[in-house]
mmCIF file of all heavy atoms, coordinates in Angstrom:
data_MODEL
# 
_entry.id   MODEL 
# 
loop_
_atom_site.group_PDB 
_atom_site.id 
_atom_site.type_symbol 
_atom_site.label_atom_id 
_atom_site.label_alt_id 
_atom_site.label_comp_id 
_atom_site.label_asym_id 
_atom_site.label_entity_id 
_atom_site.label_seq_id 
_atom_site.pdbx_PDB_ins_code 
_atom_site.Cartn_x 
_atom_site.Cartn_y 
_atom_site.Cartn_z 
_atom_site.occupancy 
_atom_site.B_iso_or_equiv 
_atom_site.pdbx_formal_charge 
_atom_site.auth_seq_id 
_atom_site.auth_comp_id 
_atom_site.auth_asym_id 
_atom_site.auth_atom_id 
_atom_site.pdbx_PDB_model_num 
ATOM 1   N N   . PHE A 1 1  ? 3.447  5.639   3.555   1.00 0.00 ? 1  PHE A N   1 
ATOM 2   C CA  . PHE A 1 1  ? 3.356  4.894   4.870   1.00 0.00 ? 1  PHE A CA  1 
ATOM 3   C C   . PHE A 1 1  ? 1.986  4.847   5.408   1.00 0.00 ? 1  PHE A C   1 
ATOM 4   O O   . PHE A 1 1  ? 1.550  3.843   5.973   1.00 0.00 ? 1  PHE A O   1 
ATOM 5   C CB  . PHE A 1 1  ? 4.322  5.508   5.886   1.00 0.00 ? 1  PHE A CB  1 
ATOM 6   C CG  . PHE A 1 1  ? 5.775  5.061   5.662   1.00 0.00 ? 1  PHE A CG  1 
ATOM 7   C CD1 . PHE A 1 1  ? 6.761  5.984   5.282   1.00 0.00 ? 1  PHE A CD1 1 
ATOM 8   C CD2 . PHE A 1 1  ? 6.109  3.742   5.726   1.00 0.00 ? 1  PHE A CD2 1 
ATOM 9   C CE1 . PHE A 1 1  ? 8.040  5.642   5.105   1.00 0.00 ? 1  PHE A CE1 1 
ATOM 10  C CE2 . PHE A 1 1  ? 7.441  3.331   5.489   1.00 0.00 ? 1  PHE A CE2 1 
ATOM 11  C CZ  . PHE A 1 1  ? 8.378  4.277   5.172   1.00 0.00 ? 1  PHE A CZ  1 
ATOM 12  N N   . ALA A 1 2  ? 1.180  5.912   5.210   1.00 0.00 ? 2  ALA A N   1 
ATOM 13  C CA  . ALA A 1 2  ? -0.219 5.887   5.622   1.00 0.00 ? 2  ALA A CA  1 
ATOM 14  C C   . ALA A 1 2  ? -0.972 4.794   4.808   1.00 0.00 ? 2  ALA A C   1 
ATOM 15  O O   . ALA A 1 2  ? -1.820 4.066   5.363   1.00 0.00 ? 2  ALA A O   1 
ATOM 16  C CB  . ALA A 1 2  ? -0.891 7.243   5.446   1.00 0.00 ? 2  ALA A CB  1 
ATOM 17  N N   . CYS A 1 3  ? -0.694 4.700   3.566   1.00 0.00 ? 3  CYS A N   1 
ATOM 18  C CA  . CYS A 1 3  ? -1.334 3.692   2.707   1.00 0.00 ? 3  CYS A CA  1 
ATOM 19  C C   . CYS A 1 3  ? -0.940 2.265   3.162   1.00 0.00 ? 3  CYS A C   1 
ATOM 20  O O   . CYS A 1 3  ? -1.787 1.408   3.264   1.00 0.00 ? 3  CYS A O   1 
ATOM 21  C CB  . CYS A 1 3  ? -0.883 3.946   1.246   1.00 0.00 ? 3  CYS A CB  1 
ATOM 22  S SG  . CYS A 1 3  ? -1.669 2.864   0.041   1.00 0.00 ? 3  CYS A SG  1 
ATOM 23  N N   . VAL A 1 4  ? 0.347  2.056   3.396   1.00 0.00 ? 4  VAL A N   1 
ATOM 24  C CA  . VAL A 1 4  ? 0.818  0.711   3.841   1.00 0.00 ? 4  VAL A CA  1 
ATOM 25  C C   . VAL A 1 4  ? 0.177  0.364   5.190   1.00 0.00 ? 4  VAL A C   1 
ATOM 26  O O   . VAL A 1 4  ? -0.217 -0.786  5.403   1.00 0.00 ? 4  VAL A O   1 
ATOM 27  C CB  . VAL A 1 4  ? 2.353  0.711   3.920   1.00 0.00 ? 4  VAL A CB  1 
ATOM 28  C CG1 . VAL A 1 4  ? 2.838  -0.571  4.630   1.00 0.00 ? 4  VAL A CG1 1 
ATOM 29  C CG2 . VAL A 1 4  ? 2.967  0.778   2.536   1.00 0.00 ? 4  VAL A CG2 1 
ATOM 30  N N   . THR A 1 5  ? 0.046  1.354   6.055   1.00 0.00 ? 5  THR A N   1 
ATOM 31  C CA  . THR A 1 5  ? -0.598 1.053   7.342   1.00 0.00 ? 5  THR A CA  1 
ATOM 32  C C   . THR A 1 5  ? -2.030 0.655   7.125   1.00 0.00 ? 5  THR A C   1 
ATOM 33  O O   . THR A 1 5  ? -2.520 -0.289  7.759   1.00 0.00 ? 5  THR A O   1 
ATOM 34  C CB  . THR A 1 5  ? -0.558 2.362   8.233   1.00 0.00 ? 5  THR A CB  1 
ATOM 35  O OG1 . THR A 1 5  ? 0.804  2.682   8.457   1.00 0.00 ? 5  THR A OG1 1 
ATOM 36  C CG2 . THR A 1 5  ? -1.225 2.106   9.575   1.00 0.00 ? 5  THR A CG2 1 
ATOM 37  N N   . ALA A 1 6  ? -2.709 1.333   6.238   1.00 0.00 ? 6  ALA A N   1 
ATOM 38  C CA  . ALA A 1 6  ? -4.137 0.924   5.895   1.00 0.00 ? 6  ALA A CA  1 
ATOM 39  C C   . ALA A 1 6  ? -4.154 -0.447  5.322   1.00 0.00 ? 6  ALA A C   1 
ATOM 40  O O   . ALA A 1 6  ? -5.074 -1.227  5.621   1.00 0.00 ? 6  ALA A O   1 
ATOM 41  C CB  . ALA A 1 6  ? -4.751 1.964   4.913   1.00 0.00 ? 6  ALA A CB  1 
ATOM 42  N N   . CYS A 1 7  ? -3.164 -0.805  4.515   1.00 0.00 ? 7  CYS A N   1 
ATOM 43  C CA  . CYS A 1 7  ? -3.101 -2.165  3.929   1.00 0.00 ? 7  CYS A CA  1 
ATOM 44  C C   . CYS A 1 7  ? -3.009 -3.194  5.042   1.00 0.00 ? 7  CYS A C   1 
ATOM 45  O O   . CYS A 1 7  ? -3.678 -4.239  4.988   1.00 0.00 ? 7  CYS A O   1 
ATOM 46  C CB  . CYS A 1 7  ? -1.860 -2.313  2.985   1.00 0.00 ? 7  CYS A CB  1 
ATOM 47  S SG  . CYS A 1 7  ? -1.992 -1.428  1.432   1.00 0.00 ? 7  CYS A SG  1 
ATOM 48  N N   . SER A 1 8  ? -2.176 -2.963  6.024   1.00 0.00 ? 8  SER A N   1 
ATOM 49  C CA  . SER A 1 8  ? -2.000 -3.944  7.083   1.00 0.00 ? 8  SER A CA  1 
ATOM 50  C C   . SER A 1 8  ? -3.275 -4.066  7.912   1.00 0.00 ? 8  SER A C   1 
ATOM 51  O O   . SER A 1 8  ? -3.567 -5.124  8.404   1.00 0.00 ? 8  SER A O   1 
ATOM 52  C CB  . SER A 1 8  ? -0.808 -3.545  7.970   1.00 0.00 ? 8  SER A CB  1 
ATOM 53  O OG  . SER A 1 8  ? -1.021 -2.386  8.685   1.00 0.00 ? 8  SER A OG  1 
ATOM 54  N N   . LEU A 1 9  ? -3.991 -2.975  8.043   1.00 0.00 ? 9  LEU A N   1 
ATOM 55  C CA  . LEU A 1 9  ? -5.302 -3.015  8.754   1.00 0.00 ? 9  LEU A CA  1 
ATOM 56  C C   . LEU A 1 9  ? -6.336 -3.775  7.954   1.00 0.00 ? 9  LEU A C   1 
ATOM 57  O O   . LEU A 1 9  ? -7.182 -4.474  8.525   1.00 0.00 ? 9  LEU A O   1 
ATOM 58  C CB  . LEU A 1 9  ? -5.742 -1.642  9.093   1.00 0.00 ? 9  LEU A CB  1 
ATOM 59  C CG  . LEU A 1 9  ? -4.870 -0.832  10.067  1.00 0.00 ? 9  LEU A CG  1 
ATOM 60  C CD1 . LEU A 1 9  ? -5.405 0.578   10.220  1.00 0.00 ? 9  LEU A CD1 1 
ATOM 61  C CD2 . LEU A 1 9  ? -4.786 -1.537  11.416  1.00 0.00 ? 9  LEU A CD2 1 
ATOM 62  N N   . ASP A 1 10 ? -6.305 -3.596  6.621   1.00 0.00 ? 10 ASP A N   1 
ATOM 63  C CA  . ASP A 1 10 ? -7.234 -4.255  5.719   1.00 0.00 ? 10 ASP A CA  1 
ATOM 64  C C   . ASP A 1 10 ? -6.907 -5.746  5.483   1.00 0.00 ? 10 ASP A C   1 
ATOM 65  O O   . ASP A 1 10 ? -7.703 -6.497  4.945   1.00 0.00 ? 10 ASP A O   1 
ATOM 66  C CB  . ASP A 1 10 ? -7.311 -3.533  4.374   1.00 0.00 ? 10 ASP A CB  1 
ATOM 67  C CG  . ASP A 1 10 ? -7.986 -2.171  4.498   1.00 0.00 ? 10 ASP A CG  1 
ATOM 68  O OD1 . ASP A 1 10 ? -8.649 -1.957  5.557   1.00 0.00 ? 10 ASP A OD1 1 
ATOM 69  O OD2 . ASP A 1 10 ? -7.862 -1.366  3.577   1.00 0.00 ? 10 ASP A OD2 1 
ATOM 70  N N   . ASP A 1 11 ? -5.662 -6.111  5.822   1.00 0.00 ? 11 ASP A N   1 
ATOM 71  C CA  . ASP A 1 11 ? -5.178 -7.502  5.601   1.00 0.00 ? 11 ASP A CA  1 
ATOM 72  C C   . ASP A 1 11 ? -5.206 -7.899  4.136   1.00 0.00 ? 11 ASP A C   1 
ATOM 73  O O   . ASP A 1 11 ? -5.522 -9.047  3.806   1.00 0.00 ? 11 ASP A O   1 
ATOM 74  C CB  . ASP A 1 11 ? -5.988 -8.455  6.503   1.00 0.00 ? 11 ASP A CB  1 
ATOM 75  C CG  . ASP A 1 11 ? -5.249 -9.788  6.669   1.00 0.00 ? 11 ASP A CG  1 
ATOM 76  O OD1 . ASP A 1 11 ? -3.990 -9.778  6.649   1.00 0.00 ? 11 ASP A OD1 1 
ATOM 77  O OD2 . ASP A 1 11 ? -5.912 -10.796 6.831   1.00 0.00 ? 11 ASP A OD2 1 
ATOM 78  N N   . GLU A 1 12 ? -4.913 -6.983  3.246   1.00 0.00 ? 12 GLU A N   1 
ATOM 79  C CA  . GLU A 1 12 ? -4.863 -7.281  1.790   1.00 0.00 ? 12 GLU A CA  1 
ATOM 80  C C   . GLU A 1 12 ? -3.517 -7.732  1.362   1.00 0.00 ? 12 GLU A C   1 
ATOM 81  O O   . GLU A 1 12 ? -3.362 -8.341  0.263   1.00 0.00 ? 12 GLU A O   1 
ATOM 82  C CB  . GLU A 1 12 ? -5.284 -6.053  0.969   1.00 0.00 ? 12 GLU A CB  1 
ATOM 83  C CG  . GLU A 1 12 ? -6.758 -5.755  1.070   1.00 0.00 ? 12 GLU A CG  1 
ATOM 84  C CD  . GLU A 1 12 ? -7.147 -4.592  0.148   1.00 0.00 ? 12 GLU A CD  1 
ATOM 85  O OE1 . GLU A 1 12 ? -6.656 -4.533  -0.946  1.00 0.00 ? 12 GLU A OE1 1 
ATOM 86  O OE2 . GLU A 1 12 ? -7.962 -3.738  0.587   1.00 0.00 ? 12 GLU A OE2 1 
ATOM 87  N N   . GLY A 1 13 ? -2.473 -7.507  2.141   1.00 0.00 ? 13 GLY A N   1 
ATOM 88  C CA  . GLY A 1 13 ? -1.134 -8.033  1.861   1.00 0.00 ? 13 GLY A CA  1 
ATOM 89  C C   . GLY A 1 13 ? -0.384 -7.304  0.767   1.00 0.00 ? 13 GLY A C   1 
ATOM 90  O O   . GLY A 1 13 ? -0.468 -6.070  0.603   1.00 0.00 ? 13 GLY A O   1 
ATOM 91  N N   . VAL A 1 14 ? 0.367  -8.101  -0.018  1.00 0.00 ? 14 VAL A N   1 
ATOM 92  C CA  . VAL A 1 14 ? 1.319  -7.586  -0.987  1.00 0.00 ? 14 VAL A CA  1 
ATOM 93  C C   . VAL A 1 14 ? 0.676  -6.748  -2.080  1.00 0.00 ? 14 VAL A C   1 
ATOM 94  O O   . VAL A 1 14 ? 1.227  -5.743  -2.514  1.00 0.00 ? 14 VAL A O   1 
ATOM 95  C CB  . VAL A 1 14 ? 2.148  -8.739  -1.606  1.00 0.00 ? 14 VAL A CB  1 
ATOM 96  C CG1 . VAL A 1 14 ? 3.084  -8.242  -2.674  1.00 0.00 ? 14 VAL A CG1 1 
ATOM 97  C CG2 . VAL A 1 14 ? 2.960  -9.447  -0.507  1.00 0.00 ? 14 VAL A CG2 1 
ATOM 98  N N   . GLU A 1 15 ? -0.489 -7.190  -2.577  1.00 0.00 ? 15 GLU A N   1 
ATOM 99  C CA  . GLU A 1 15 ? -1.152 -6.485  -3.642  1.00 0.00 ? 15 GLU A CA  1 
ATOM 100 C C   . GLU A 1 15 ? -1.462 -5.053  -3.271  1.00 0.00 ? 15 GLU A C   1 
ATOM 101 O O   . GLU A 1 15 ? -1.249 -4.097  -4.024  1.00 0.00 ? 15 GLU A O   1 
ATOM 102 C CB  . GLU A 1 15 ? -2.424 -7.206  -4.107  1.00 0.00 ? 15 GLU A CB  1 
ATOM 103 C CG  . GLU A 1 15 ? -2.161 -8.508  -4.795  1.00 0.00 ? 15 GLU A CG  1 
ATOM 104 C CD  . GLU A 1 15 ? -3.451 -9.213  -5.166  1.00 0.00 ? 15 GLU A CD  1 
ATOM 105 O OE1 . GLU A 1 15 ? -4.524 -8.586  -5.054  1.00 0.00 ? 15 GLU A OE1 1 
ATOM 106 O OE2 . GLU A 1 15 ? -3.367 -10.406 -5.550  1.00 0.00 ? 15 GLU A OE2 1 
ATOM 107 N N   . CYS A 1 16 ? -1.921 -4.851  -2.017  1.00 0.00 ? 16 CYS A N   1 
ATOM 108 C CA  . CYS A 1 16 ? -2.270 -3.547  -1.526  1.00 0.00 ? 16 CYS A CA  1 
ATOM 109 C C   . CYS A 1 16 ? -1.004 -2.717  -1.369  1.00 0.00 ? 16 CYS A C   1 
ATOM 110 O O   . CYS A 1 16 ? -0.955 -1.562  -1.799  1.00 0.00 ? 16 CYS A O   1 
ATOM 111 C CB  . CYS A 1 16 ? -2.961 -3.681  -0.186  1.00 0.00 ? 16 CYS A CB  1 
ATOM 112 S SG  . CYS A 1 16 ? -3.506 -2.080  0.506   1.00 0.00 ? 16 CYS A SG  1 
ATOM 113 N N   . THR A 1 17 ? 0.040  -3.272  -0.838  1.00 0.00 ? 17 THR A N   1 
ATOM 114 C CA  . THR A 1 17 ? 1.307  -2.540  -0.696  1.00 0.00 ? 17 THR A CA  1 
ATOM 115 C C   . THR A 1 17 ? 1.910  -2.122  -2.057  1.00 0.00 ? 17 THR A C   1 
ATOM 116 O O   . THR A 1 17 ? 2.391  -1.036  -2.208  1.00 0.00 ? 17 THR A O   1 
ATOM 117 C CB  . THR A 1 17 ? 2.340  -3.413  0.107   1.00 0.00 ? 17 THR A CB  1 
ATOM 118 O OG1 . THR A 1 17 ? 1.751  -3.752  1.334   1.00 0.00 ? 17 THR A OG1 1 
ATOM 119 C CG2 . THR A 1 17 ? 3.623  -2.672  0.345   1.00 0.00 ? 17 THR A CG2 1 
ATOM 120 N N   . THR A 1 18 ? 1.765  -3.018  -3.002  1.00 0.00 ? 18 THR A N   1 
ATOM 121 C CA  . THR A 1 18 ? 2.239  -2.721  -4.360  1.00 0.00 ? 18 THR A CA  1 
ATOM 122 C C   . THR A 1 18 ? 1.472  -1.544  -4.948  1.00 0.00 ? 18 THR A C   1 
ATOM 123 O O   . THR A 1 18 ? 2.064  -0.632  -5.587  1.00 0.00 ? 18 THR A O   1 
ATOM 124 C CB  . THR A 1 18 ? 2.074  -3.935  -5.298  1.00 0.00 ? 18 THR A CB  1 
ATOM 125 O OG1 . THR A 1 18 ? 2.832  -4.981  -4.777  1.00 0.00 ? 18 THR A OG1 1 
ATOM 126 C CG2 . THR A 1 18 ? 2.553  -3.617  -6.718  1.00 0.00 ? 18 THR A CG2 1 
ATOM 127 N N   . ARG A 1 19 ? 0.152  -1.494  -4.740  1.00 0.00 ? 19 ARG A N   1 
ATOM 128 C CA  . ARG A 1 19 ? -0.608 -0.318  -5.198  1.00 0.00 ? 19 ARG A CA  1 
ATOM 129 C C   . ARG A 1 19 ? -0.132 0.941   -4.531  1.00 0.00 ? 19 ARG A C   1 
ATOM 130 O O   . ARG A 1 19 ? -0.058 1.987   -5.137  1.00 0.00 ? 19 ARG A O   1 
ATOM 131 C CB  . ARG A 1 19 ? -2.096 -0.523  -4.882  1.00 0.00 ? 19 ARG A CB  1 
ATOM 132 C CG  . ARG A 1 19 ? -2.822 -1.301  -5.943  1.00 0.00 ? 19 ARG A CG  1 
ATOM 133 C CD  . ARG A 1 19 ? -4.361 -1.136  -5.829  1.00 0.00 ? 19 ARG A CD  1 
ATOM 134 N NE  . ARG A 1 19 ? -4.888 -1.293  -4.507  1.00 0.00 ? 19 ARG A NE  1 
ATOM 135 C CZ  . ARG A 1 19 ? -5.259 -2.450  -3.950  1.00 0.00 ? 19 ARG A CZ  1 
ATOM 136 N NH1 . ARG A 1 19 ? -5.137 -3.534  -4.665  1.00 0.00 ? 19 ARG A NH1 1 
ATOM 137 N NH2 . ARG A 1 19 ? -5.766 -2.514  -2.733  1.00 0.00 ? 19 ARG A NH2 1 
ATOM 138 N N   . CYS A 1 20 ? 0.208  0.880   -3.237  1.00 0.00 ? 20 CYS A N   1 
ATOM 139 C CA  . CYS A 1 20 ? 0.738  2.040   -2.519  1.00 0.00 ? 20 CYS A CA  1 
ATOM 140 C C   . CYS A 1 20 ? 2.040  2.583   -3.181  1.00 0.00 ? 20 CYS A C   1 
ATOM 141 O O   . CYS A 1 20 ? 2.185  3.783   -3.375  1.00 0.00 ? 20 CYS A O   1 
ATOM 142 C CB  . CYS A 1 20 ? 1.014  1.739   -1.056  1.00 0.00 ? 20 CYS A CB  1 
ATOM 143 S SG  . CYS A 1 20 ? -0.448 1.348   -0.102  1.00 0.00 ? 20 CYS A SG  1 
ATOM 144 N N   . VAL A 1 21 ? 2.881  1.616   -3.497  1.00 0.00 ? 21 VAL A N   1 
ATOM 145 C CA  . VAL A 1 21 ? 4.137  2.042   -4.181  1.00 0.00 ? 21 VAL A CA  1 
ATOM 146 C C   . VAL A 1 21 ? 3.837  2.731   -5.528  1.00 0.00 ? 21 VAL A C   1 
ATOM 147 O O   . VAL A 1 21 ? 4.377  3.767   -5.835  1.00 0.00 ? 21 VAL A O   1 
ATOM 148 C CB  . VAL A 1 21 ? 5.088  0.857   -4.381  1.00 0.00 ? 21 VAL A CB  1 
ATOM 149 C CG1 . VAL A 1 21 ? 6.237  1.208   -5.278  1.00 0.00 ? 21 VAL A CG1 1 
ATOM 150 C CG2 . VAL A 1 21 ? 5.551  0.249   -3.054  1.00 0.00 ? 21 VAL A CG2 1 
ATOM 151 N N   . GLU A 1 22 ? 2.955  2.121   -6.322  1.00 0.00 ? 22 GLU A N   1 
ATOM 152 C CA  . GLU A 1 22 ? 2.621  2.641   -7.608  1.00 0.00 ? 22 GLU A CA  1 
ATOM 153 C C   . GLU A 1 22 ? 2.017  4.043   -7.490  1.00 0.00 ? 22 GLU A C   1 
ATOM 154 O O   . GLU A 1 22 ? 2.276  4.899   -8.292  1.00 0.00 ? 22 GLU A O   1 
ATOM 155 C CB  . GLU A 1 22 ? 1.680  1.721   -8.371  1.00 0.00 ? 22 GLU A CB  1 
ATOM 156 C CG  . GLU A 1 22 ? 2.364  0.410   -8.784  1.00 0.00 ? 22 GLU A CG  1 
ATOM 157 C CD  . GLU A 1 22 ? 1.382  -0.595  -9.363  1.00 0.00 ? 22 GLU A CD  1 
ATOM 158 O OE1 . GLU A 1 22 ? 0.164  -0.354  -9.339  1.00 0.00 ? 22 GLU A OE1 1 
ATOM 159 O OE2 . GLU A 1 22 ? 1.866  -1.647  -9.882  1.00 0.00 ? 22 GLU A OE2 1 
ATOM 160 N N   . VAL A 1 23 ? 1.116  4.223   -6.544  1.00 0.00 ? 23 VAL A N   1 
ATOM 161 C CA  . VAL A 1 23 ? 0.378  5.478   -6.425  1.00 0.00 ? 23 VAL A CA  1 
ATOM 162 C C   . VAL A 1 23 ? 1.291  6.553   -5.823  1.00 0.00 ? 23 VAL A C   1 
ATOM 163 O O   . VAL A 1 23 ? 1.296  7.738   -6.312  1.00 0.00 ? 23 VAL A O   1 
ATOM 164 C CB  . VAL A 1 23 ? -0.859 5.280   -5.580  1.00 0.00 ? 23 VAL A CB  1 
ATOM 165 C CG1 . VAL A 1 23 ? -1.499 6.606   -5.240  1.00 0.00 ? 23 VAL A CG1 1 
ATOM 166 C CG2 . VAL A 1 23 ? -1.875 4.401   -6.325  1.00 0.00 ? 23 VAL A CG2 1 
ATOM 167 N N   . HIS A 1 24 ? 2.027  6.248   -4.780  1.00 0.00 ? 24 HIS A N   1 
ATOM 168 C CA  . HIS A 1 24 ? 2.670  7.299   -4.011  1.00 0.00 ? 24 HIS A CA  1 
ATOM 169 C C   . HIS A 1 24 ? 4.166  7.489   -4.306  1.00 0.00 ? 24 HIS A C   1 
ATOM 170 O O   . HIS A 1 24 ? 4.665  8.587   -4.065  1.00 0.00 ? 24 HIS A O   1 
ATOM 171 C CB  . HIS A 1 24 ? 2.479  7.041   -2.502  1.00 0.00 ? 24 HIS A CB  1 
ATOM 172 C CG  . HIS A 1 24 ? 1.043  7.074   -2.123  1.00 0.00 ? 24 HIS A CG  1 
ATOM 173 N ND1 . HIS A 1 24 ? 0.304  8.258   -2.156  1.00 0.00 ? 24 HIS A ND1 1 
ATOM 174 C CD2 . HIS A 1 24 ? 0.183  6.112   -1.692  1.00 0.00 ? 24 HIS A CD2 1 
ATOM 175 C CE1 . HIS A 1 24 ? -0.940 7.970   -1.761  1.00 0.00 ? 24 HIS A CE1 1 
ATOM 176 N NE2 . HIS A 1 24 ? -1.030 6.676   -1.465  1.00 0.00 ? 24 HIS A NE2 1 
ATOM 177 N N   . LEU A 1 25 ? 4.845  6.471   -4.737  1.00 0.00 ? 25 LEU A N   1 
ATOM 178 C CA  . LEU A 1 25 ? 6.294  6.605   -4.890  1.00 0.00 ? 25 LEU A CA  1 
ATOM 179 C C   . LEU A 1 25 ? 6.789  6.699   -6.358  1.00 0.00 ? 25 LEU A C   1 
ATOM 180 O O   . LEU A 1 25 ? 7.874  7.134   -6.572  1.00 0.00 ? 25 LEU A O   1 
ATOM 181 C CB  . LEU A 1 25 ? 7.014  5.456   -4.168  1.00 0.00 ? 25 LEU A CB  1 
ATOM 182 C CG  . LEU A 1 25 ? 6.800  5.357   -2.710  1.00 0.00 ? 25 LEU A CG  1 
ATOM 183 C CD1 . LEU A 1 25 ? 7.586  4.270   -2.061  1.00 0.00 ? 25 LEU A CD1 1 
ATOM 184 C CD2 . LEU A 1 25 ? 7.093  6.680   -1.976  1.00 0.00 ? 25 LEU A CD2 1 
ATOM 185 N N   . LYS A 1 26 ? 5.999  6.221   -7.309  1.00 0.00 ? 26 LYS A N   1 
ATOM 186 C CA  . LYS A 1 26 ? 6.429  6.367   -8.679  1.00 0.00 ? 26 LYS A CA  1 
ATOM 187 C C   . LYS A 1 26 ? 6.060  7.758   -9.213  1.00 0.00 ? 26 LYS A C   1 
ATOM 188 O O   . LYS A 1 26 ? 4.922  8.199   -9.074  1.00 0.00 ? 26 LYS A O   1 
ATOM 189 C CB  . LYS A 1 26 ? 5.736  5.298   -9.598  1.00 0.00 ? 26 LYS A CB  1 
ATOM 190 C CG  . LYS A 1 26 ? 6.289  3.928   -9.324  1.00 0.00 ? 26 LYS A CG  1 
ATOM 191 C CD  . LYS A 1 26 ? 5.734  2.953   -10.313 1.00 0.00 ? 26 LYS A CD  1 
ATOM 192 C CE  . LYS A 1 26 ? 6.342  1.557   -10.089 1.00 0.00 ? 26 LYS A CE  1 
ATOM 193 N NZ  . LYS A 1 26 ? 5.769  0.592   -11.000 1.00 0.00 ? 26 LYS A NZ  1 
ATOM 194 N N   . ASN A 1 27 ? 7.028  8.417   -9.746  1.00 0.00 ? 27 ASN A N   1 
ATOM 195 C CA  . ASN A 1 27 ? 6.824  9.761   -10.292 1.00 0.00 ? 27 ASN A CA  1 
ATOM 196 C C   . ASN A 1 27 ? 6.478  9.664   -11.783 1.00 0.00 ? 27 ASN A C   1 
ATOM 197 O O   . ASN A 1 27 ? 7.328  9.388   -12.599 1.00 0.00 ? 27 ASN A O   1 
ATOM 198 C CB  . ASN A 1 27 ? 8.084  10.596  -10.104 1.00 0.00 ? 27 ASN A CB  1 
ATOM 199 C CG  . ASN A 1 27 ? 7.866  12.055  -10.404 1.00 0.00 ? 27 ASN A CG  1 
ATOM 200 O OD1 . ASN A 1 27 ? 6.773  12.456  -10.791 1.00 0.00 ? 27 ASN A OD1 1 
ATOM 201 N ND2 . ASN A 1 27 ? 8.905  12.842  -10.214 1.00 0.00 ? 27 ASN A ND2 1 
# 
């Protein structure tokens, strides 16, 4: 969620959010 919040502040959109999922939620 901290990563997604940073994405919304950076205005990078879906690509940034996808990176957050890959980094933080995939085991």
